[in-house]
């Protein structure tokens, strides 16, 4: 059993900042890529940022220069620092992790999401 729990969402004014966290727990042997996705009202879920175990990163064009993804492998945690937020960043943000369990199984795991609302 593996669980991802996000935190850090909330309401912020345009130009403000938020920091999201996502902690993985359970029967984990290792975690490969970890990432953040968002899903706005009436939209599909889209990749925001991804980070490999070796800390290589990739970002959606819409957040480059404003968002920073990082991870702490010892804590099985991934972070998303969001600066200069815009109203169009309003969405539910989901954490994703590619997990190898202690039983040797590969799992594509998702959190339940945290809502980020940016007011203009």
N, C-alpha and C. Protein backbone atom coordinates (compact mmCIF):
# COMPACT_ATOMS: atom_id res chain seq x y z
N UNK A 1 0.85 -1.18 0.00
CA UNK A 1 0.00 0.00 0.00
C UNK A 1 0.89 1.24 0.00
N UNK A 2 0.61 2.14 -0.95
CA UNK A 2 1.37 3.38 -1.07
C UNK A 2 0.39 4.54 -1.05
N UNK A 3 0.78 5.62 -0.40
CA UNK A 3 -0.09 6.79 -0.30
C UNK A 3 0.70 8.05 -0.59
N UNK A 4 0.09 8.96 -1.36
CA UNK A 4 0.66 10.28 -1.59
C UNK A 4 -0.29 11.30 -0.99
N UNK A 5 0.25 12.20 -0.18
CA UNK A 5 -0.57 13.21 0.47
C UNK A 5 -0.01 14.59 0.15
N UNK A 6 -0.83 15.41 -0.52
CA UNK A 6 -0.43 16.78 -0.87
C UNK A 6 -0.87 17.75 0.22
N UNK A 7 -0.15 18.85 0.30
CA UNK A 7 -0.52 19.94 1.20
C UNK A 7 0.02 21.25 0.63
N UNK A 8 -0.52 22.37 1.13
CA UNK A 8 0.01 23.66 0.77
C UNK A 8 -0.85 24.48 -0.17
N UNK A 9 -1.95 23.93 -0.63
CA UNK A 9 -2.83 24.71 -1.50
C UNK A 9 -3.57 25.77 -0.72
N UNK A 10 -4.27 26.64 -1.46
CA UNK A 10 -5.04 27.68 -0.80
C UNK A 10 -5.37 28.81 -1.74
N UNK A 11 -5.80 29.93 -1.16
CA UNK A 11 -6.19 31.11 -1.91
C UNK A 11 -5.08 32.16 -1.80
N UNK A 12 -4.68 32.71 -2.94
CA UNK A 12 -3.63 33.71 -2.96
C UNK A 12 -3.96 34.74 -4.03
N UNK A 13 -3.50 35.96 -3.84
CA UNK A 13 -3.71 36.99 -4.85
C UNK A 13 -2.70 36.84 -5.98
N UNK A 14 -3.06 37.34 -7.14
CA UNK A 14 -2.14 37.33 -8.27
C UNK A 14 -0.84 38.00 -7.89
N UNK A 15 0.27 37.38 -8.31
CA UNK A 15 1.59 37.87 -7.96
C UNK A 15 2.16 37.24 -6.69
N UNK A 16 1.32 36.53 -5.97
CA UNK A 16 1.75 35.90 -4.72
C UNK A 16 2.42 34.55 -4.95
N UNK A 17 2.72 33.89 -3.84
CA UNK A 17 3.44 32.61 -3.89
C UNK A 17 2.77 31.57 -3.00
N UNK A 18 2.94 30.32 -3.40
CA UNK A 18 2.54 29.18 -2.59
C UNK A 18 3.59 28.09 -2.75
N UNK A 19 3.70 27.24 -1.74
CA UNK A 19 4.58 26.09 -1.82
C UNK A 19 3.78 24.83 -1.53
N UNK A 20 3.73 23.95 -2.52
CA UNK A 20 3.05 22.67 -2.36
C UNK A 20 4.05 21.60 -1.94
N UNK A 21 3.57 20.68 -1.12
CA UNK A 21 4.38 19.53 -0.71
C UNK A 21 3.59 18.26 -0.97
N UNK A 22 4.30 17.18 -1.23
CA UNK A 22 3.67 15.88 -1.43
C UNK A 22 4.59 14.82 -0.82
N UNK A 23 4.07 14.12 0.18
CA UNK A 23 4.85 13.09 0.86
C UNK A 23 4.31 11.71 0.51
N UNK A 24 5.21 10.83 0.11
CA UNK A 24 4.85 9.45 -0.20
C UNK A 24 5.16 8.57 1.00
N UNK A 25 4.27 7.64 1.28
CA UNK A 25 4.48 6.73 2.41
C UNK A 25 3.95 5.35 2.06
N UNK A 26 4.40 4.36 2.84
CA UNK A 26 3.94 3.00 2.63
C UNK A 26 5.09 2.08 2.29
N UNK A 27 4.77 1.03 1.53
CA UNK A 27 5.73 0.00 1.21
C UNK A 27 6.58 0.42 0.00
N UNK A 28 7.50 1.34 0.24
CA UNK A 28 8.28 1.95 -0.84
C UNK A 28 9.72 1.45 -0.79
N UNK A 29 10.19 0.94 -1.93
CA UNK A 29 11.61 0.59 -2.07
C UNK A 29 12.38 1.77 -2.66
N UNK A 30 11.83 2.35 -3.73
CA UNK A 30 12.46 3.53 -4.31
C UNK A 30 11.41 4.29 -5.12
N UNK A 31 11.73 5.54 -5.41
CA UNK A 31 10.85 6.38 -6.21
C UNK A 31 11.66 6.94 -7.37
N UNK A 32 11.20 6.73 -8.58
CA UNK A 32 11.86 7.30 -9.75
C UNK A 32 11.35 8.72 -9.95
N UNK A 33 10.71 9.01 -11.06
CA UNK A 33 10.25 10.38 -11.30
C UNK A 33 9.11 10.76 -10.37
N UNK A 34 9.09 12.03 -9.99
CA UNK A 34 7.97 12.60 -9.23
C UNK A 34 7.54 13.87 -9.97
N UNK A 35 6.26 14.16 -9.92
CA UNK A 35 5.81 15.31 -10.68
C UNK A 35 4.54 15.92 -10.13
N UNK A 36 4.24 17.08 -10.69
CA UNK A 36 3.00 17.78 -10.37
C UNK A 36 2.21 17.99 -11.66
N UNK A 37 0.92 17.78 -11.55
CA UNK A 37 -0.01 18.02 -12.64
C UNK A 37 -1.11 18.95 -12.12
N UNK A 38 -1.77 19.64 -13.03
CA UNK A 38 -2.93 20.41 -12.60
C UNK A 38 -4.10 20.19 -13.55
N UNK A 39 -5.28 20.44 -12.98
CA UNK A 39 -6.51 20.29 -13.76
C UNK A 39 -7.43 21.45 -13.41
N UNK A 40 -7.60 22.34 -14.40
CA UNK A 40 -8.49 23.47 -14.20
C UNK A 40 -9.93 23.10 -14.48
N UNK A 41 -10.84 24.02 -14.18
CA UNK A 41 -12.27 23.75 -14.43
C UNK A 41 -12.54 23.41 -15.89
N UNK A 42 -13.15 22.28 -16.13
CA UNK A 42 -13.50 21.87 -17.47
C UNK A 42 -12.33 21.50 -18.36
N UNK A 43 -11.16 21.34 -17.77
CA UNK A 43 -9.96 21.05 -18.57
C UNK A 43 -9.43 19.66 -18.25
N UNK A 44 -8.50 19.20 -19.08
CA UNK A 44 -7.84 17.93 -18.82
C UNK A 44 -6.67 18.13 -17.86
N UNK A 45 -6.28 17.06 -17.21
CA UNK A 45 -5.12 17.11 -16.33
C UNK A 45 -3.86 17.27 -17.19
N UNK A 46 -3.00 18.21 -16.81
CA UNK A 46 -1.80 18.51 -17.59
C UNK A 46 -0.56 18.52 -16.70
N UNK A 47 0.56 18.17 -17.30
CA UNK A 47 1.82 18.20 -16.57
C UNK A 47 2.23 19.64 -16.28
N UNK A 48 2.65 19.87 -15.03
CA UNK A 48 3.20 21.17 -14.64
C UNK A 48 4.73 21.07 -14.59
N UNK A 49 5.22 20.07 -13.86
CA UNK A 49 6.66 19.91 -13.71
C UNK A 49 6.96 18.49 -13.27
N UNK A 50 8.15 18.01 -13.64
CA UNK A 50 8.57 16.67 -13.26
C UNK A 50 10.04 16.71 -12.88
N UNK A 51 10.42 15.85 -11.94
CA UNK A 51 11.81 15.78 -11.49
C UNK A 51 12.20 14.31 -11.35
N UNK A 52 13.37 13.96 -11.88
CA UNK A 52 13.87 12.59 -11.78
C UNK A 52 14.53 12.38 -10.42
N UNK A 53 14.87 11.14 -10.14
CA UNK A 53 15.55 10.84 -8.88
C UNK A 53 16.88 11.56 -8.80
N UNK A 54 17.49 11.78 -9.95
CA UNK A 54 18.76 12.50 -9.99
C UNK A 54 18.60 14.01 -10.10
N UNK A 55 17.34 14.48 -9.96
CA UNK A 55 17.02 15.92 -9.91
C UNK A 55 17.08 16.63 -11.25
N UNK A 56 16.99 15.91 -12.35
CA UNK A 56 16.76 16.57 -13.63
C UNK A 56 15.31 17.00 -13.67
N UNK A 57 15.06 18.18 -14.23
CA UNK A 57 13.71 18.74 -14.19
C UNK A 57 13.20 19.10 -15.58
N UNK A 58 11.88 19.17 -15.68
CA UNK A 58 11.23 19.62 -16.90
C UNK A 58 9.95 20.35 -16.51
N UNK A 59 9.64 21.43 -17.22
CA UNK A 59 8.50 22.26 -16.87
C UNK A 59 7.61 22.51 -18.08
N UNK A 60 6.33 22.71 -17.80
CA UNK A 60 5.44 23.21 -18.84
C UNK A 60 5.86 24.63 -19.19
N UNK A 61 5.70 25.00 -20.46
CA UNK A 61 6.12 26.33 -20.90
C UNK A 61 5.42 27.42 -20.09
N UNK A 62 4.19 27.18 -19.69
CA UNK A 62 3.41 28.21 -19.01
C UNK A 62 3.92 28.55 -17.62
N UNK A 63 4.76 27.68 -17.05
CA UNK A 63 5.24 27.93 -15.68
C UNK A 63 6.75 28.15 -15.61
N UNK A 64 7.44 28.02 -16.72
CA UNK A 64 8.90 28.20 -16.71
C UNK A 64 9.26 29.58 -16.19
N UNK A 65 10.23 29.63 -15.28
CA UNK A 65 10.66 30.89 -14.71
C UNK A 65 9.84 31.34 -13.52
N UNK A 66 8.71 30.67 -13.24
CA UNK A 66 7.86 31.04 -12.11
C UNK A 66 7.77 29.92 -11.08
N UNK A 67 7.78 28.67 -11.53
CA UNK A 67 7.64 27.52 -10.62
C UNK A 67 8.96 26.77 -10.54
N UNK A 68 9.22 26.19 -9.37
CA UNK A 68 10.42 25.39 -9.17
C UNK A 68 10.05 24.09 -8.47
N UNK A 69 10.41 22.97 -9.09
CA UNK A 69 10.16 21.67 -8.48
C UNK A 69 11.44 21.18 -7.83
N UNK A 70 11.30 20.54 -6.68
CA UNK A 70 12.46 19.97 -5.98
C UNK A 70 11.99 18.74 -5.21
N UNK A 71 12.95 17.95 -4.72
CA UNK A 71 12.58 16.75 -3.97
C UNK A 71 13.60 16.46 -2.89
N UNK A 72 13.14 15.74 -1.88
CA UNK A 72 14.00 15.26 -0.81
C UNK A 72 13.86 13.74 -0.81
N UNK A 73 14.84 13.05 -1.36
CA UNK A 73 14.73 11.60 -1.50
C UNK A 73 14.68 10.89 -0.15
N UNK A 74 15.35 11.45 0.84
CA UNK A 74 15.35 10.84 2.17
C UNK A 74 13.97 10.86 2.81
N UNK A 75 13.18 11.87 2.43
CA UNK A 75 11.82 12.02 2.99
C UNK A 75 10.74 11.57 2.02
N UNK A 76 11.13 11.08 0.85
CA UNK A 76 10.15 10.68 -0.17
C UNK A 76 9.14 11.80 -0.44
N UNK A 77 9.64 13.01 -0.56
CA UNK A 77 8.80 14.19 -0.68
C UNK A 77 9.20 15.01 -1.89
N UNK A 78 8.21 15.54 -2.57
CA UNK A 78 8.42 16.46 -3.68
C UNK A 78 7.72 17.78 -3.37
N UNK A 79 8.34 18.86 -3.83
CA UNK A 79 7.83 20.20 -3.55
C UNK A 79 7.60 20.94 -4.87
N UNK A 80 6.70 21.92 -4.82
CA UNK A 80 6.50 22.81 -5.95
C UNK A 80 6.40 24.23 -5.40
N UNK A 81 7.45 25.01 -5.64
CA UNK A 81 7.43 26.42 -5.25
C UNK A 81 6.83 27.20 -6.40
N UNK A 82 5.73 27.90 -6.14
CA UNK A 82 5.00 28.62 -7.17
C UNK A 82 5.08 30.11 -6.86
N UNK A 83 5.76 30.86 -7.70
CA UNK A 83 5.91 32.30 -7.52
C UNK A 83 5.22 33.04 -8.65
N UNK A 84 4.96 34.33 -8.42
CA UNK A 84 4.30 35.16 -9.43
C UNK A 84 3.06 34.46 -10.00
N UNK A 85 2.22 34.00 -9.10
CA UNK A 85 1.03 33.24 -9.54
C UNK A 85 0.08 34.12 -10.32
N UNK A 86 -0.60 33.49 -11.28
CA UNK A 86 -1.55 34.16 -12.15
C UNK A 86 -2.93 33.51 -11.99
N UNK A 87 -3.99 34.24 -12.28
CA UNK A 87 -5.34 33.63 -12.17
C UNK A 87 -5.46 32.35 -12.98
N UNK A 88 -4.78 32.27 -14.11
CA UNK A 88 -4.88 31.06 -14.93
C UNK A 88 -4.17 29.86 -14.32
N UNK A 89 -3.44 30.06 -13.21
CA UNK A 89 -2.85 28.92 -12.48
C UNK A 89 -3.86 28.24 -11.57
N UNK A 90 -5.05 28.84 -11.45
CA UNK A 90 -6.09 28.25 -10.60
C UNK A 90 -6.44 26.86 -11.10
N UNK A 91 -6.33 25.88 -10.21
CA UNK A 91 -6.57 24.49 -10.58
C UNK A 91 -6.42 23.60 -9.35
N UNK A 92 -6.81 22.36 -9.50
CA UNK A 92 -6.45 21.34 -8.52
C UNK A 92 -5.10 20.78 -8.94
N UNK A 93 -4.16 20.74 -8.01
CA UNK A 93 -2.82 20.26 -8.28
C UNK A 93 -2.66 18.86 -7.69
N UNK A 94 -2.20 17.94 -8.55
CA UNK A 94 -2.04 16.55 -8.17
C UNK A 94 -0.56 16.16 -8.19
N UNK A 95 -0.18 15.40 -7.21
CA UNK A 95 1.16 14.84 -7.13
C UNK A 95 1.17 13.45 -7.78
N UNK A 96 2.25 13.14 -8.48
CA UNK A 96 2.41 11.83 -9.09
C UNK A 96 3.80 11.29 -8.78
N UNK A 97 3.88 9.99 -8.57
CA UNK A 97 5.19 9.38 -8.30
C UNK A 97 5.25 8.00 -8.94
N UNK A 98 6.39 7.70 -9.54
CA UNK A 98 6.66 6.38 -10.12
C UNK A 98 7.41 5.57 -9.06
N UNK A 99 6.69 4.67 -8.42
CA UNK A 99 7.20 4.01 -7.21
C UNK A 99 7.50 2.54 -7.47
N UNK A 100 8.62 2.08 -6.93
CA UNK A 100 8.93 0.66 -6.88
C UNK A 100 8.65 0.21 -5.44
N UNK A 101 7.76 -0.73 -5.26
CA UNK A 101 7.42 -1.17 -3.91
C UNK A 101 8.44 -2.17 -3.39
N UNK A 102 8.39 -2.43 -2.10
CA UNK A 102 9.30 -3.41 -1.49
C UNK A 102 9.07 -4.79 -2.08
N UNK A 103 7.88 -5.02 -2.60
CA UNK A 103 7.59 -6.29 -3.23
C UNK A 103 8.07 -6.37 -4.66
N UNK A 104 8.68 -5.29 -5.15
CA UNK A 104 9.23 -5.30 -6.49
C UNK A 104 8.28 -4.87 -7.58
N UNK A 105 7.13 -4.34 -7.21
CA UNK A 105 6.14 -3.91 -8.20
C UNK A 105 6.32 -2.43 -8.54
N UNK A 106 6.06 -2.08 -9.81
CA UNK A 106 6.07 -0.70 -10.21
C UNK A 106 4.67 -0.12 -10.12
N UNK A 107 4.56 1.07 -9.55
CA UNK A 107 3.25 1.69 -9.37
C UNK A 107 3.30 3.13 -9.85
N UNK A 108 2.24 3.53 -10.56
CA UNK A 108 2.04 4.92 -10.95
C UNK A 108 1.03 5.50 -9.95
N UNK A 109 1.53 6.22 -8.95
CA UNK A 109 0.69 6.62 -7.82
C UNK A 109 0.31 8.09 -7.91
N UNK A 110 -0.92 8.40 -7.46
CA UNK A 110 -1.45 9.76 -7.49
C UNK A 110 -1.97 10.16 -6.12
N UNK A 111 -1.80 11.43 -5.79
CA UNK A 111 -2.45 12.00 -4.63
C UNK A 111 -3.87 12.39 -4.96
N UNK A 112 -4.60 12.85 -3.94
CA UNK A 112 -6.00 13.22 -4.13
C UNK A 112 -6.16 14.65 -4.61
N UNK A 113 -5.08 15.43 -4.58
CA UNK A 113 -5.13 16.79 -5.10
C UNK A 113 -5.28 17.84 -4.03
N UNK A 114 -4.77 19.02 -4.34
CA UNK A 114 -4.93 20.18 -3.46
C UNK A 114 -5.30 21.38 -4.33
N UNK A 115 -6.27 22.16 -3.89
CA UNK A 115 -6.80 23.25 -4.70
C UNK A 115 -5.98 24.51 -4.52
N UNK A 116 -5.61 25.10 -5.64
CA UNK A 116 -4.93 26.39 -5.66
C UNK A 116 -5.84 27.37 -6.38
N UNK A 117 -6.16 28.47 -5.70
CA UNK A 117 -7.02 29.50 -6.29
C UNK A 117 -6.27 30.83 -6.27
N UNK A 118 -6.14 31.44 -7.45
CA UNK A 118 -5.43 32.71 -7.57
C UNK A 118 -6.44 33.77 -7.97
N UNK A 119 -6.61 34.76 -7.12
CA UNK A 119 -7.56 35.83 -7.40
C UNK A 119 -6.87 36.99 -8.10
N UNK A 120 -7.63 37.67 -8.94
CA UNK A 120 -7.05 38.79 -9.71
C UNK A 120 -7.20 40.10 -8.96
